[in-house]
Amino acid sequence: MLLATQLERVFILKDNGQEIRLNDPEPKWNVESVMNFYANMYPILTTAKVSAPQIKDDAIEYKFESVMGTKG
């Protein structure tokens, strides 16, 4: 019998060219709930968008990307 394993979720915050790796606080939460959880520490997440998930290194990777533009 073949058993399926659940892949770990990894969240990446992209801000000003930096990538911050965030752990999954609760696997049962949906992606928006995770983003709201981290918005307390990273206010930029209040206006971020979530990229489509990608499987990378045996994990499902979601990227939170700022939609705020820069003036100039």
PDB file of N, CA and C in Angstrom:
ATOM      1  N   MET A   1       0.839  -1.178   0.000  1.00  0.00           N
ATOM      2  CA  MET A   1       0.000   0.000   0.000  1.00  0.00           C
ATOM      3  C   MET A   1       0.887   1.245   0.000  1.00  0.00           C
ATOM      4  N   LEU A   2       0.549   2.185  -0.835  1.00  0.00           N
ATOM      5  CA  LEU A   2       1.320   3.412  -0.956  1.00  0.00           C
ATOM      6  C   LEU A   2       0.665   4.501  -0.117  1.00  0.00           C
ATOM      7  N   LEU A   3       1.425   5.114   0.756  1.00  0.00           N
ATOM      8  CA  LEU A   3       0.899   6.188   1.599  1.00  0.00           C
ATOM      9  C   LEU A   3       1.357   7.536   1.076  1.00  0.00           C
ATOM     10  N   ALA A   4       0.470   8.489   1.131  1.00  0.00           N
ATOM     11  CA  ALA A   4       0.814   9.852   0.709  1.00  0.00           C
ATOM     12  C   ALA A   4       1.292  10.633   1.929  1.00  0.00           C
ATOM     13  N   THR A   5       2.300  11.411   1.725  1.00  0.00           N
ATOM     14  CA  THR A   5       2.770  12.264   2.814  1.00  0.00           C
ATOM     15  C   THR A   5       2.384  13.702   2.495  1.00  0.00           C
ATOM     16  N   GLN A   6       2.015  14.414   3.541  1.00  0.00           N
ATOM     17  CA  GLN A   6       1.637  15.806   3.356  1.00  0.00           C
ATOM     18  C   GLN A   6       2.895  16.664   3.324  1.00  0.00           C
ATOM     19  N   LEU A   7       3.000  17.503   2.309  1.00  0.00           N
ATOM     20  CA  LEU A   7       4.172  18.354   2.184  1.00  0.00           C
ATOM     21  C   LEU A   7       4.086  19.522   3.157  1.00  0.00           C
ATOM     22  N   GLU A   8       5.231  19.903   3.689  1.00  0.00           N
ATOM     23  CA  GLU A   8       5.320  21.054   4.567  1.00  0.00           C
ATOM     24  C   GLU A   8       5.023  22.316   3.756  1.00  0.00           C
ATOM     25  N   ARG A   9       4.368  23.287   4.387  1.00  0.00           N
ATOM     26  CA  ARG A   9       4.139  24.576   3.733  1.00  0.00           C
ATOM     27  C   ARG A   9       5.203  25.555   4.208  1.00  0.00           C
ATOM     28  N   VAL A  10       5.724  26.308   3.264  1.00  0.00           N
ATOM     29  CA  VAL A  10       6.719  27.337   3.566  1.00  0.00           C
ATOM     30  C   VAL A  10       6.203  28.640   2.966  1.00  0.00           C
ATOM     31  N   PHE A  11       6.352  29.710   3.724  1.00  0.00           N
ATOM     32  CA  PHE A  11       5.891  31.015   3.267  1.00  0.00           C
ATOM     33  C   PHE A  11       7.088  31.940   3.129  1.00  0.00           C
ATOM     34  N   ILE A  12       7.178  32.602   1.992  1.00  0.00           N
ATOM     35  CA  ILE A  12       8.293  33.501   1.708  1.00  0.00           C
ATOM     36  C   ILE A  12       7.739  34.916   1.574  1.00  0.00           C
ATOM     37  N   LEU A  13       8.269  35.829   2.387  1.00  0.00           N
ATOM     38  CA  LEU A  13       7.890  37.233   2.292  1.00  0.00           C
ATOM     39  C   LEU A  13       8.936  37.939   1.442  1.00  0.00           C
ATOM     40  N   LYS A  14       8.509  38.498   0.321  1.00  0.00           N
ATOM     41  CA  LYS A  14       9.424  39.239  -0.545  1.00  0.00           C
ATOM     42  C   LYS A  14       9.196  40.724  -0.297  1.00  0.00           C
ATOM     43  N   ASP A  15      10.256  41.405   0.171  1.00  0.00           N
ATOM     44  CA  ASP A  15      10.148  42.825   0.478  1.00  0.00           C
ATOM     45  C   ASP A  15      11.476  43.506   0.171  1.00  0.00           C
ATOM     46  N   ASN A  16      11.447  44.488  -0.701  1.00  0.00           N
ATOM     47  CA  ASN A  16      12.647  45.246  -1.067  1.00  0.00           C
ATOM     48  C   ASN A  16      13.803  44.346  -1.492  1.00  0.00           C
ATOM     49  N   GLY A  17      13.504  43.335  -2.285  1.00  0.00           N
ATOM     50  CA  GLY A  17      14.545  42.449  -2.787  1.00  0.00           C
ATOM     51  C   GLY A  17      14.993  41.381  -1.812  1.00  0.00           C
ATOM     52  N   GLN A  18      14.497  41.423  -0.579  1.00  0.00           N
ATOM     53  CA  GLN A  18      14.857  40.412   0.410  1.00  0.00           C
ATOM     54  C   GLN A  18      13.787  39.337   0.456  1.00  0.00           C
ATOM     55  N   GLU A  19      14.191  38.130   0.802  1.00  0.00           N
ATOM     56  CA  GLU A  19      13.246  37.044   1.020  1.00  0.00           C
ATOM     57  C   GLU A  19      13.365  36.585   2.458  1.00  0.00           C
ATOM     58  N   ILE A  20      12.245  36.643   3.170  1.00  0.00           N
ATOM     59  CA  ILE A  20      12.198  36.201   4.563  1.00  0.00           C
ATOM     60  C   ILE A  20      11.376  34.928   4.611  1.00  0.00           C
ATOM     61  N   ARG A  21      11.968  33.870   5.130  1.00  0.00           N
ATOM     62  CA  ARG A  21      11.302  32.567   5.208  1.00  0.00           C
ATOM     63  C   ARG A  21      10.480  32.517   6.500  1.00  0.00           C
ATOM     64  N   LEU A  22       9.194  32.221   6.370  1.00  0.00           N
ATOM     65  CA  LEU A  22       8.287  32.159   7.513  1.00  0.00           C
ATOM     66  C   LEU A  22       7.778  30.731   7.681  1.00  0.00           C
ATOM     67  N   ASN A  23       7.796  30.248   8.900  1.00  0.00           N
ATOM     68  CA  ASN A  23       7.299  28.903   9.185  1.00  0.00           C
ATOM     69  C   ASN A  23       5.775  28.893   9.191  1.00  0.00           C
ATOM     70  N   ASP A  24       5.215  27.731   9.021  1.00  0.00           N
ATOM     71  CA  ASP A  24       3.764  27.556   9.044  1.00  0.00           C
ATOM     72  C   ASP A  24       3.302  27.540  10.501  1.00  0.00           C
ATOM     73  N   PRO A  25       2.557  28.570  10.932  1.00  0.00           N
ATOM     74  CA  PRO A  25       2.144  28.617  12.340  1.00  0.00           C
ATOM     75  C   PRO A  25       1.074  27.586  12.683  1.00  0.00           C
ATOM     76  N   GLU A  26       0.260  27.205  11.702  1.00  0.00           N
ATOM     77  CA  GLU A  26      -0.807  26.230  11.936  1.00  0.00           C
ATOM     78  C   GLU A  26      -1.205  25.604  10.600  1.00  0.00           C
ATOM     79  N   PRO A  27      -0.829  24.348  10.385  1.00  0.00           N
ATOM     80  CA  PRO A  27      -1.105  23.688   9.099  1.00  0.00           C
ATOM     81  C   PRO A  27      -2.583  23.656   8.704  1.00  0.00           C
ATOM     82  N   LYS A  28      -3.484  23.762   9.658  1.00  0.00           N
ATOM     83  CA  LYS A  28      -4.917  23.718   9.344  1.00  0.00           C
ATOM     84  C   LYS A  28      -5.437  25.055   8.816  1.00  0.00           C
ATOM     85  N   TRP A  29      -4.681  26.128   9.001  1.00  0.00           N
ATOM     86  CA  TRP A  29      -5.122  27.450   8.545  1.00  0.00           C
ATOM     87  C   TRP A  29      -4.992  27.554   7.031  1.00  0.00           C
ATOM     88  N   ASN A  30      -5.875  28.371   6.431  1.00  0.00           N
ATOM     89  CA  ASN A  30      -5.702  28.654   5.008  1.00  0.00           C
ATOM     90  C   ASN A  30      -4.612  29.710   4.843  1.00  0.00           C
ATOM     91  N   VAL A  31      -4.192  29.940   3.624  1.00  0.00           N
ATOM     92  CA  VAL A  31      -3.059  30.830   3.355  1.00  0.00           C
ATOM     93  C   VAL A  31      -3.347  32.260   3.818  1.00  0.00           C
ATOM     94  N   GLU A  32      -4.582  32.725   3.640  1.00  0.00           N
ATOM     95  CA  GLU A  32      -4.928  34.083   4.062  1.00  0.00           C
ATOM     96  C   GLU A  32      -4.831  34.238   5.574  1.00  0.00           C
ATOM     97  N   SER A  33      -5.206  33.199   6.319  1.00  0.00           N
ATOM     98  CA  SER A  33      -5.094  33.248   7.782  1.00  0.00           C
ATOM     99  C   SER A  33      -3.629  33.333   8.217  1.00  0.00           C
ATOM    100  N   VAL A  34      -2.766  32.612   7.521  1.00  0.00           N
ATOM    101  CA  VAL A  34      -1.329  32.676   7.825  1.00  0.00           C
ATOM    102  C   VAL A  34      -0.812  34.089   7.551  1.00  0.00           C
ATOM    103  N   MET A  35      -1.225  34.658   6.432  1.00  0.00           N
ATOM    104  CA  MET A  35      -0.789  36.008   6.084  1.00  0.00           C
ATOM    105  C   MET A  35      -1.275  37.008   7.142  1.00  0.00           C
ATOM    106  N   ASN A  36      -2.513  36.867   7.602  1.00  0.00           N
ATOM    107  CA  ASN A  36      -3.031  37.749   8.649  1.00  0.00           C
ATOM    108  C   ASN A  36      -2.279  37.570   9.959  1.00  0.00           C
ATOM    109  N   PHE A  37      -1.905  36.340  10.274  1.00  0.00           N
ATOM    110  CA  PHE A  37      -1.143  36.060  11.489  1.00  0.00           C
ATOM    111  C   PHE A  37       0.198  36.811  11.471  1.00  0.00           C
ATOM    112  N   TYR A  38       0.904  36.744  10.363  1.00  0.00           N
ATOM    113  CA  TYR A  38       2.212  37.385  10.258  1.00  0.00           C
ATOM    114  C   TYR A  38       2.127  38.895  10.020  1.00  0.00           C
ATOM    115  N   ALA A  39       0.954  39.413   9.656  1.00  0.00           N
ATOM    116  CA  ALA A  39       0.804  40.853   9.414  1.00  0.00           C
ATOM    117  C   ALA A  39       1.072  41.669  10.670  1.00  0.00           C
ATOM    118  N   ASN A  40       0.925  41.068  11.852  1.00  0.00           N
ATOM    119  CA  ASN A  40       1.248  41.784  13.094  1.00  0.00           C
ATOM    120  C   ASN A  40       2.737  42.101  13.174  1.00  0.00           C
ATOM    121  N   MET A  41       3.562  41.205  12.663  1.00  0.00           N
ATOM    122  CA  MET A  41       5.015  41.401  12.695  1.00  0.00           C
ATOM    123  C   MET A  41       5.532  42.093  11.442  1.00  0.00           C
ATOM    124  N   TYR A  42       4.847  41.867  10.324  1.00  0.00           N
ATOM    125  CA  TYR A  42       5.259  42.421   9.035  1.00  0.00           C
ATOM    126  C   TYR A  42       4.070  43.163   8.419  1.00  0.00           C
ATOM    127  N   PRO A  43       3.879  44.446   8.788  1.00  0.00           N
ATOM    128  CA  PRO A  43       2.708  45.198   8.323  1.00  0.00           C
ATOM    129  C   PRO A  43       2.558  45.249   6.804  1.00  0.00           C
ATOM    130  N   ILE A  44       3.640  45.053   6.070  1.00  0.00           N
ATOM    131  CA  ILE A  44       3.557  45.069   4.607  1.00  0.00           C
ATOM    132  C   ILE A  44       2.614  43.987   4.095  1.00  0.00           C
ATOM    133  N   LEU A  45       2.373  42.957   4.900  1.00  0.00           N
ATOM    134  CA  LEU A  45       1.490  41.867   4.481  1.00  0.00           C
ATOM    135  C   LEU A  45       0.034  42.296   4.371  1.00  0.00           C
ATOM    136  N   THR A  46      -0.332  43.421   4.977  1.00  0.00           N
ATOM    137  CA  THR A  46      -1.726  43.861   4.888  1.00  0.00           C
ATOM    138  C   THR A  46      -2.105  44.237   3.460  1.00  0.00           C
ATOM    139  N   THR A  47      -1.110  44.535   2.630  1.00  0.00           N
ATOM    140  CA  THR A  47      -1.394  44.882   1.234  1.00  0.00           C
ATOM    141  C   THR A  47      -0.701  43.935   0.255  1.00  0.00           C
ATOM    142  N   ALA A  48      -0.256  42.786   0.736  1.00  0.00           N
ATOM    143  CA  ALA A  48       0.483  41.841  -0.111  1.00  0.00           C
ATOM    144  C   ALA A  48      -0.470  40.935  -0.886  1.00  0.00           C
ATOM    145  N   LYS A  49       0.074  40.327  -1.932  1.00  0.00           N
ATOM    146  CA  LYS A  49      -0.665  39.302  -2.672  1.00  0.00           C
ATOM    147  C   LYS A  49       0.091  37.987  -2.527  1.00  0.00           C
ATOM    148  N   VAL A  50      -0.617  36.890  -2.737  1.00  0.00           N
ATOM    149  CA  VAL A  50      -0.027  35.556  -2.607  1.00  0.00           C
ATOM    150  C   VAL A  50       0.164  34.980  -4.006  1.00  0.00           C
ATOM    151  N   SER A  51       1.370  34.491  -4.268  1.00  0.00           N
ATOM    152  CA  SER A  51       1.630  33.856  -5.559  1.00  0.00           C
ATOM    153  C   SER A  51       1.072  32.438  -5.550  1.00  0.00           C
ATOM    154  N   ALA A  52       0.938  31.868  -6.726  1.00  0.00           N
ATOM    155  CA  ALA A  52       0.499  30.475  -6.827  1.00  0.00           C
ATOM    156  C   ALA A  52       1.537  29.576  -6.151  1.00  0.00           C
ATOM    157  N   PRO A  53       1.089  28.548  -5.443  1.00  0.00           N
ATOM    158  CA  PRO A  53       2.042  27.672  -4.752  1.00  0.00           C
ATOM    159  C   PRO A  53       2.928  26.907  -5.727  1.00  0.00           C
ATOM    160  N   GLN A  54       4.176  26.687  -5.294  1.00  0.00           N
ATOM    161  CA  GLN A  54       5.120  25.898  -6.070  1.00  0.00           C
ATOM    162  C   GLN A  54       5.729  24.844  -5.161  1.00  0.00           C
ATOM    163  N   ILE A  55       5.961  23.670  -5.709  1.00  0.00           N
ATOM    164  CA  ILE A  55       6.618  22.620  -4.932  1.00  0.00           C
ATOM    165  C   ILE A  55       8.113  22.759  -5.139  1.00  0.00           C
ATOM    166  N   LYS A  56       8.820  22.893  -4.022  1.00  0.00           N
ATOM    167  CA  LYS A  56      10.267  23.092  -4.068  1.00  0.00           C
ATOM    168  C   LYS A  56      10.891  22.426  -2.842  1.00  0.00           C
ATOM    169  N   ASP A  57      11.862  21.569  -3.067  1.00  0.00           N
ATOM    170  CA  ASP A  57      12.569  20.874  -1.975  1.00  0.00           C
ATOM    171  C   ASP A  57      11.603  20.172  -1.020  1.00  0.00           C
ATOM    172  N   ASP A  58      10.668  19.407  -1.569  1.00  0.00           N
ATOM    173  CA  ASP A  58       9.692  18.649  -0.779  1.00  0.00           C
ATOM    174  C   ASP A  58       8.840  19.522   0.140  1.00  0.00           C
ATOM    175  N   ALA A  59       8.548  20.734  -0.301  1.00  0.00           N
ATOM    176  CA  ALA A  59       7.675  21.628   0.445  1.00  0.00           C
ATOM    177  C   ALA A  59       6.830  22.422  -0.545  1.00  0.00           C
ATOM    178  N   ILE A  60       5.678  22.866  -0.074  1.00  0.00           N
ATOM    179  CA  ILE A  60       4.839  23.745  -0.888  1.00  0.00           C
ATOM    180  C   ILE A  60       5.199  25.169  -0.496  1.00  0.00           C
ATOM    181  N   GLU A  61       5.658  25.936  -1.461  1.00  0.00           N
ATOM    182  CA  GLU A  61       6.157  27.284  -1.191  1.00  0.00           C
ATOM    183  C   GLU A  61       5.157  28.326  -1.695  1.00  0.00           C
ATOM    184  N   TYR A  62       4.764  29.209  -0.785  1.00  0.00           N
ATOM    185  CA  TYR A  62       3.898  30.332  -1.121  1.00  0.00           C
ATOM    186  C   TYR A  62       4.719  31.600  -0.954  1.00  0.00           C
ATOM    187  N   LYS A  63       4.559  32.538  -1.863  1.00  0.00           N
ATOM    188  CA  LYS A  63       5.287  33.806  -1.750  1.00  0.00           C
ATOM    189  C   LYS A  63       4.296  34.932  -1.514  1.00  0.00           C
ATOM    190  N   PHE A  64       4.585  35.710  -0.466  1.00  0.00           N
ATOM    191  CA  PHE A  64       3.828  36.918  -0.185  1.00  0.00           C
ATOM    192  C   PHE A  64       4.607  38.071  -0.796  1.00  0.00           C
ATOM    193  N   GLU A  65       4.006  38.747  -1.750  1.00  0.00           N
ATOM    194  CA  GLU A  65       4.712  39.822  -2.440  1.00  0.00           C
ATOM    195  C   GLU A  65       3.988  41.138  -2.246  1.00  0.00           C
ATOM    196  N   SER A  66       4.760  42.159  -1.918  1.00  0.00           N
ATOM    197  CA  SER A  66       4.203  43.480  -1.707  1.00  0.00           C
ATOM    198  C   SER A  66       3.659  44.024  -3.031  1.00  0.00           C
ATOM    199  N   VAL A  67       2.497  44.646  -2.959  1.00  0.00           N
ATOM    200  CA  VAL A  67       1.933  45.272  -4.147  1.00  0.00           C
ATOM    201  C   VAL A  67       2.123  46.790  -4.105  1.00  0.00           C
ATOM    202  N   MET A  68       2.801  47.253  -3.061  1.00  0.00           N
ATOM    203  CA  MET A  68       3.074  48.683  -2.931  1.00  0.00           C
ATOM    204  C   MET A  68       4.176  49.057  -3.917  1.00  0.00           C
ATOM    205  N   GLY A  69       3.941  50.097  -4.693  1.00  0.00           N
ATOM    206  CA  GLY A  69       4.947  50.566  -5.620  1.00  0.00           C
ATOM    207  C   GLY A  69       5.894  51.555  -4.955  1.00  0.00           C
ATOM    208  N   THR A  70       6.920  51.916  -5.650  1.00  0.00           N
ATOM    209  CA  THR A  70       7.846  52.907  -5.118  1.00  0.00           C
ATOM    210  C   THR A  70       7.681  54.187  -5.911  1.00  0.00           C
ATOM    211  N   LYS A  71       7.781  55.295  -5.228  1.00  0.00           N
ATOM    212  CA  LYS A  71       7.681  56.600  -5.896  1.00  0.00           C
ATOM    213  C   LYS A  71       9.042  56.969  -6.452  1.00  0.00           C
ATOM    214  N   GLY A  72       9.028  57.684  -7.556  1.00  0.00           N
ATOM    215  CA  GLY A  72      10.321  58.099  -8.042  1.00  0.00           C
ATOM    216  C   GLY A  72      10.334  58.474  -9.423  1.00  0.00           C
TER     217      GLY A  72
END
